[in-house]
Protein backbone atom coordinates (compact mmCIF):
# COMPACT_ATOMS: atom_id res chain seq x y z
CA MET A 1 10.11 9.48 -13.83
CA SER A 2 7.47 7.09 -12.46
CA ALA A 3 8.00 3.34 -12.27
CA VAL A 4 5.22 2.89 -14.84
CA ALA A 5 6.92 5.16 -17.34
CA THR A 6 10.26 3.43 -16.79
CA VAL A 7 8.79 0.00 -17.39
CA ALA A 8 6.93 1.16 -20.45
CA ARG A 9 10.01 2.66 -22.08
CA SER A 10 12.60 -0.05 -21.51
CA PRO A 11 12.30 -3.50 -23.15
CA ALA A 12 15.03 -4.78 -20.84
CA VAL A 13 13.13 -3.68 -17.78
CA ARG A 14 9.93 -5.20 -19.17
CA LEU A 15 11.70 -8.55 -19.50
CA ALA A 16 13.05 -8.25 -15.96
CA VAL A 17 9.59 -7.48 -14.63
CA VAL A 18 8.16 -10.52 -16.41
CA ALA A 19 10.87 -12.68 -14.87
CA VAL A 20 10.20 -11.34 -11.39
CA GLY A 21 6.48 -11.81 -11.92
CA LEU A 22 6.96 -15.46 -12.81
CA VAL A 23 9.04 -16.00 -9.71
CA LEU A 24 6.31 -14.40 -7.61
CA VAL A 25 3.51 -16.58 -8.99
CA GLY A 26 4.41 -19.37 -6.62
CA VAL A 27 4.55 -16.97 -3.71
CA PHE A 28 1.10 -15.57 -4.53
CA ALA A 29 -0.26 -19.08 -4.13
CA LEU A 30 0.78 -18.91 -0.47
CA HIS A 31 -1.43 -15.88 0.02
CA ALA A 32 -4.56 -17.99 0.28
CA VAL A 33 -2.86 -20.23 2.83
CA TYR A 34 -1.26 -17.69 5.13
CA SER A 35 -2.99 -14.33 4.70
CA ASP A 36 -5.96 -15.22 6.88
CA ARG A 37 -3.90 -16.36 9.84
CA ASP A 38 -4.23 -14.13 12.88
CA SER A 39 -1.65 -16.05 14.85
CA GLU A 40 1.82 -14.64 15.34
CA GLU A 41 3.14 -18.19 15.49
CA VAL A 42 4.19 -18.32 11.83
CA THR A 43 7.95 -17.92 11.86
CA ALA A 44 9.16 -14.94 9.89
CA SER A 45 11.94 -15.75 7.48
CA GLY A 46 13.05 -12.13 7.41
CA ALA A 47 14.63 -10.09 4.69
CA ALA A 48 17.59 -11.34 2.73
CA ALA A 49 21.02 -9.87 3.26
CA THR A 50 21.16 -8.51 -0.29
CA PRO A 51 18.94 -5.98 -2.08
CA GLY A 52 15.57 -7.37 -3.10
CA PRO A 53 14.48 -7.94 -6.70
CA PHE A 54 12.82 -4.51 -6.84
CA GLY A 55 15.67 -2.52 -5.31
CA ASP A 56 14.47 1.05 -4.78
CA SER A 57 12.67 1.19 -8.13
CA LEU A 58 9.22 1.45 -6.53
CA GLU A 59 10.09 4.13 -4.00
CA ARG A 60 8.85 7.60 -4.87
CA ARG A 61 9.85 9.68 -1.85
CA ASP A 62 7.52 12.39 -3.13
CA SER A 63 6.96 15.12 -0.55
CA ASP A 64 3.61 15.92 -2.18
CA ASP A 65 2.27 12.37 -1.92
CA PRO A 66 -0.90 12.70 0.20
CA ILE A 67 -1.17 9.01 1.08
CA SER A 68 2.33 8.38 2.41
CA VAL A 69 3.28 8.34 6.08
CA GLY A 70 6.73 8.98 7.53
CA PRO A 71 9.62 11.28 6.64
CA ILE A 72 10.71 11.52 3.05
CA ASP A 73 14.32 10.78 4.04
CA ALA A 74 13.54 7.74 6.21
CA PRO A 75 16.23 5.05 5.85
CA VAL A 76 13.63 2.40 4.94
CA VAL A 77 10.62 2.60 2.64
CA MET A 78 7.70 0.19 2.57
CA VAL A 79 5.43 0.28 -0.46
CA ALA A 80 1.99 -1.10 0.46
CA TYR A 81 -0.52 -2.08 -2.23
CA SER A 82 -4.08 -2.60 -1.05
CA ASP A 83 -7.77 -2.49 -1.98
CA TYR A 84 -10.54 -1.11 0.23
CA GLN A 85 -12.72 -4.17 -0.43
CA CYS A 86 -9.94 -6.62 0.43
CA PRO A 87 -10.61 -8.33 3.79
CA PHE A 88 -6.97 -9.25 4.24
CA CYS A 89 -5.98 -5.60 3.73
CA ALA A 90 -8.45 -4.62 6.43
CA ALA A 91 -7.06 -7.23 8.81
CA TRP A 92 -3.47 -6.09 8.16
CA SER A 93 -4.39 -2.44 8.73
CA ASP A 94 -5.99 -3.28 12.05
CA ARG A 95 -3.41 -5.77 13.30
CA THR A 96 -0.05 -4.72 11.87
CA LEU A 97 -0.17 -1.10 10.71
CA PRO A 98 -0.25 0.38 14.26
CA THR A 99 3.05 -1.36 15.03
CA LEU A 100 4.68 -0.08 11.84
CA LEU A 101 3.46 3.46 12.50
CA ARG A 102 5.75 3.51 15.55
CA TYR A 103 8.67 3.23 13.13
CA THR A 104 7.32 6.15 11.07
CA GLU A 105 6.97 8.25 14.22
CA ARG A 106 10.63 7.58 15.06
CA GLY A 107 11.66 8.61 11.54
CA GLU A 108 12.91 5.13 10.66
CA LEU A 109 10.27 4.12 8.11
CA ARG A 110 8.23 5.69 5.34
CA ILE A 111 5.10 3.85 4.23
CA GLU A 112 3.98 4.70 0.71
CA PHE A 113 0.43 3.47 0.24
CA ARG A 114 -0.61 2.51 -3.28
CA ASP A 115 -4.04 1.56 -4.57
CA LEU A 116 -4.23 -1.75 -6.40
CA ASN A 117 -7.93 -1.99 -7.12
CA VAL A 118 -8.63 -5.61 -7.98
CA TYR A 119 -12.18 -5.71 -6.57
CA GLY A 120 -13.84 -3.27 -8.93
CA GLU A 121 -15.36 0.18 -9.23
CA LEU A 122 -16.37 0.62 -5.58
CA SER A 123 -12.72 0.12 -4.64
CA VAL A 124 -11.76 2.85 -7.09
CA LEU A 125 -14.30 5.23 -5.56
CA ALA A 126 -12.98 4.51 -2.07
CA SER A 127 -9.40 5.06 -3.23
CA ARG A 128 -10.29 8.41 -4.74
CA ALA A 129 -12.05 9.45 -1.54
CA ALA A 130 -9.11 8.42 0.65
CA TYR A 131 -6.73 10.28 -1.68
CA ALA A 132 -8.91 13.39 -1.48
CA ALA A 133 -8.90 13.12 2.31
CA GLY A 134 -5.11 12.87 2.13
CA LEU A 135 -4.96 16.15 0.24
CA GLN A 136 -6.42 17.68 3.40
CA GLY A 137 -3.91 15.87 5.60
CA ARG A 138 -6.46 13.33 6.84
CA PHE A 139 -5.54 10.19 4.91
CA LEU A 140 -4.87 7.88 7.84
CA GLU A 141 -8.08 8.85 9.59
CA TYR A 142 -10.12 8.20 6.46
CA HIS A 143 -8.21 4.99 5.74
CA ASP A 144 -8.81 3.74 9.28
CA ARG A 145 -12.53 4.43 9.04
CA LEU A 146 -12.77 2.49 5.78
CA PHE A 147 -11.16 -0.46 7.59
CA ALA A 148 -12.77 0.11 11.00
CA GLY A 149 -12.45 -2.89 13.30
CA GLY A 150 -10.29 -4.71 10.77
CA GLN A 151 -13.30 -5.19 8.49
CA THR A 152 -14.17 -3.97 5.02
CA ARG A 153 -17.31 -1.92 4.54
CA PRO A 154 -20.31 -3.48 2.81
CA ALA A 155 -20.99 -2.24 -0.70
CA ARG A 156 -23.75 0.13 0.43
CA GLN A 157 -21.17 1.99 2.54
CA LEU A 158 -18.78 2.46 -0.39
CA THR A 159 -21.16 4.39 -2.62
CA SER A 160 -20.33 7.98 -3.48
CA GLY A 161 -22.94 9.23 -1.01
CA ALA A 162 -21.59 7.10 1.84
CA LEU A 163 -18.01 8.17 1.13
CA PHE A 164 -19.06 11.81 1.21
CA ASP A 165 -20.88 11.21 4.49
CA LEU A 166 -17.67 9.79 5.95
CA ALA A 167 -15.72 12.86 4.84
CA ARG A 168 -18.38 15.05 6.43
CA ASP A 169 -18.19 13.07 9.68
CA LEU A 170 -14.44 13.70 9.78
CA GLY A 171 -15.01 17.44 9.39
CA LEU A 172 -13.34 17.76 6.00
CA ASP A 173 -13.83 20.79 3.77
CA MET A 174 -16.59 19.33 1.63
CA THR A 175 -16.24 21.79 -1.23
CA ARG A 176 -12.60 20.89 -1.62
CA PHE A 177 -13.29 17.19 -1.05
CA ALA A 178 -15.88 17.12 -3.85
CA ARG A 179 -13.46 18.87 -6.18
CA ASP A 180 -10.51 16.62 -5.33
CA VAL A 181 -12.44 13.34 -5.54
CA ASN A 182 -13.34 14.09 -9.14
CA SER A 183 -10.17 15.85 -10.25
CA ASN A 184 -8.07 14.51 -13.11
CA ALA A 185 -5.04 14.53 -10.82
CA THR A 186 -6.72 12.21 -8.30
CA ILE A 187 -8.09 9.89 -10.97
CA SER A 188 -4.67 9.70 -12.65
CA ALA A 189 -2.89 8.98 -9.35
CA ILE A 190 -5.22 6.06 -8.57
CA THR A 191 -5.03 4.68 -12.11
CA ASN A 192 -1.24 4.94 -12.22
CA SER A 193 -0.80 3.12 -8.91
CA SER A 194 -2.92 0.19 -10.06
CA SER A 195 -1.08 0.06 -13.38
CA GLU A 196 2.25 0.17 -11.60
CA GLY A 197 1.36 -2.77 -9.39
CA SER A 198 0.14 -4.85 -12.32
CA LEU A 199 3.17 -4.05 -14.48
CA THR A 200 5.46 -5.02 -11.63
CA GLY A 201 3.79 -8.39 -11.25
CA LEU A 202 1.89 -7.59 -8.05
CA ASN A 203 -1.65 -8.65 -8.85
CA SER A 204 -2.98 -9.63 -5.44
CA THR A 205 -3.70 -7.63 -2.29
CA PRO A 206 -2.27 -6.89 0.10
CA ALA A 207 1.23 -6.81 -1.34
CA PHE A 208 4.23 -5.05 0.17
CA VAL A 209 7.79 -4.23 -0.81
CA VAL A 210 10.20 -3.45 2.02
CA ASP A 211 13.62 -2.25 0.94
CA GLY A 212 13.08 -4.03 -2.38
CA HIS A 213 11.89 -7.30 -0.83
CA PRO A 214 8.31 -8.45 -1.53
CA ILE A 215 6.00 -9.62 1.25
CA LEU A 216 2.76 -11.01 -0.11
CA GLY A 217 -0.34 -11.29 2.01
CA ALA A 218 -1.39 -10.21 5.50
CA LEU A 219 1.34 -12.22 7.18
CA PRO A 220 1.92 -11.96 10.94
CA THR A 221 3.10 -8.64 12.31
CA GLN A 222 6.46 -10.12 13.28
CA THR A 223 7.20 -10.79 9.60
CA PHE A 224 7.01 -7.06 8.88
CA VAL A 225 8.86 -6.07 12.05
CA LYS A 226 11.75 -8.35 11.13
CA ALA A 227 11.80 -7.11 7.54
CA VAL A 228 11.97 -3.49 8.67
CA ASP A 229 14.55 -4.22 11.39
CA ASP A 230 16.73 -6.08 8.90
CA ALA A 231 16.45 -3.21 6.43
CA LEU A 232 17.42 -0.71 9.14
CA HIS A 233 20.42 -2.86 9.95
CA ARG A 234 21.47 -2.87 6.32
CA ALA A 235 21.03 0.89 6.15
CA ASP A 236 23.33 1.33 9.16
CA SER A 237 26.01 -1.03 7.91
């Protein structure tokens, strides 16, 4: 059962989510202060020694998920919420994601990307296109092109025509891409991810959950490295 369905069915869980959301409001305020810092000089506080407020409730570990990277049985899962018009998401993808992908290559980390489209309809179109690329096994390549150079694309490069041109440049099967971009399954997947983030209290991008612990904003790479290392240590203990 998805996290959205679980939240919707259980009043107790809804109350817990509200409580967590209120706690996170103060942390979201730090996003504007820290998320645009390129420096690695901000000291990472690291993950706590106990399970985070989300536990493993957001992990899907779905082998059919086209926009996840890393083995399904990795000891640590990071859930990453982002928007393709979010400049901080672009900066994080350029600066920090390559380091974390080394963990996925070693089988230590699974990154489950989720779309939290807070910037509007062009973000939704981009999410659907990246998802469709993922159905052909090309998600990361498409994702990286949308955030090329750590920058977001201007609006004219996020139109349907521009997104199709990008798929064509990557050599995707365009017949399948056109079908998948507009399929009910793709639209539902994007809608459900955004709803999940909002219901969980994550209303700003980028937002991450590592082993149940939230990290809000494009904080320095070392923050994420420490969070993953701490989670690996807990998994081994």
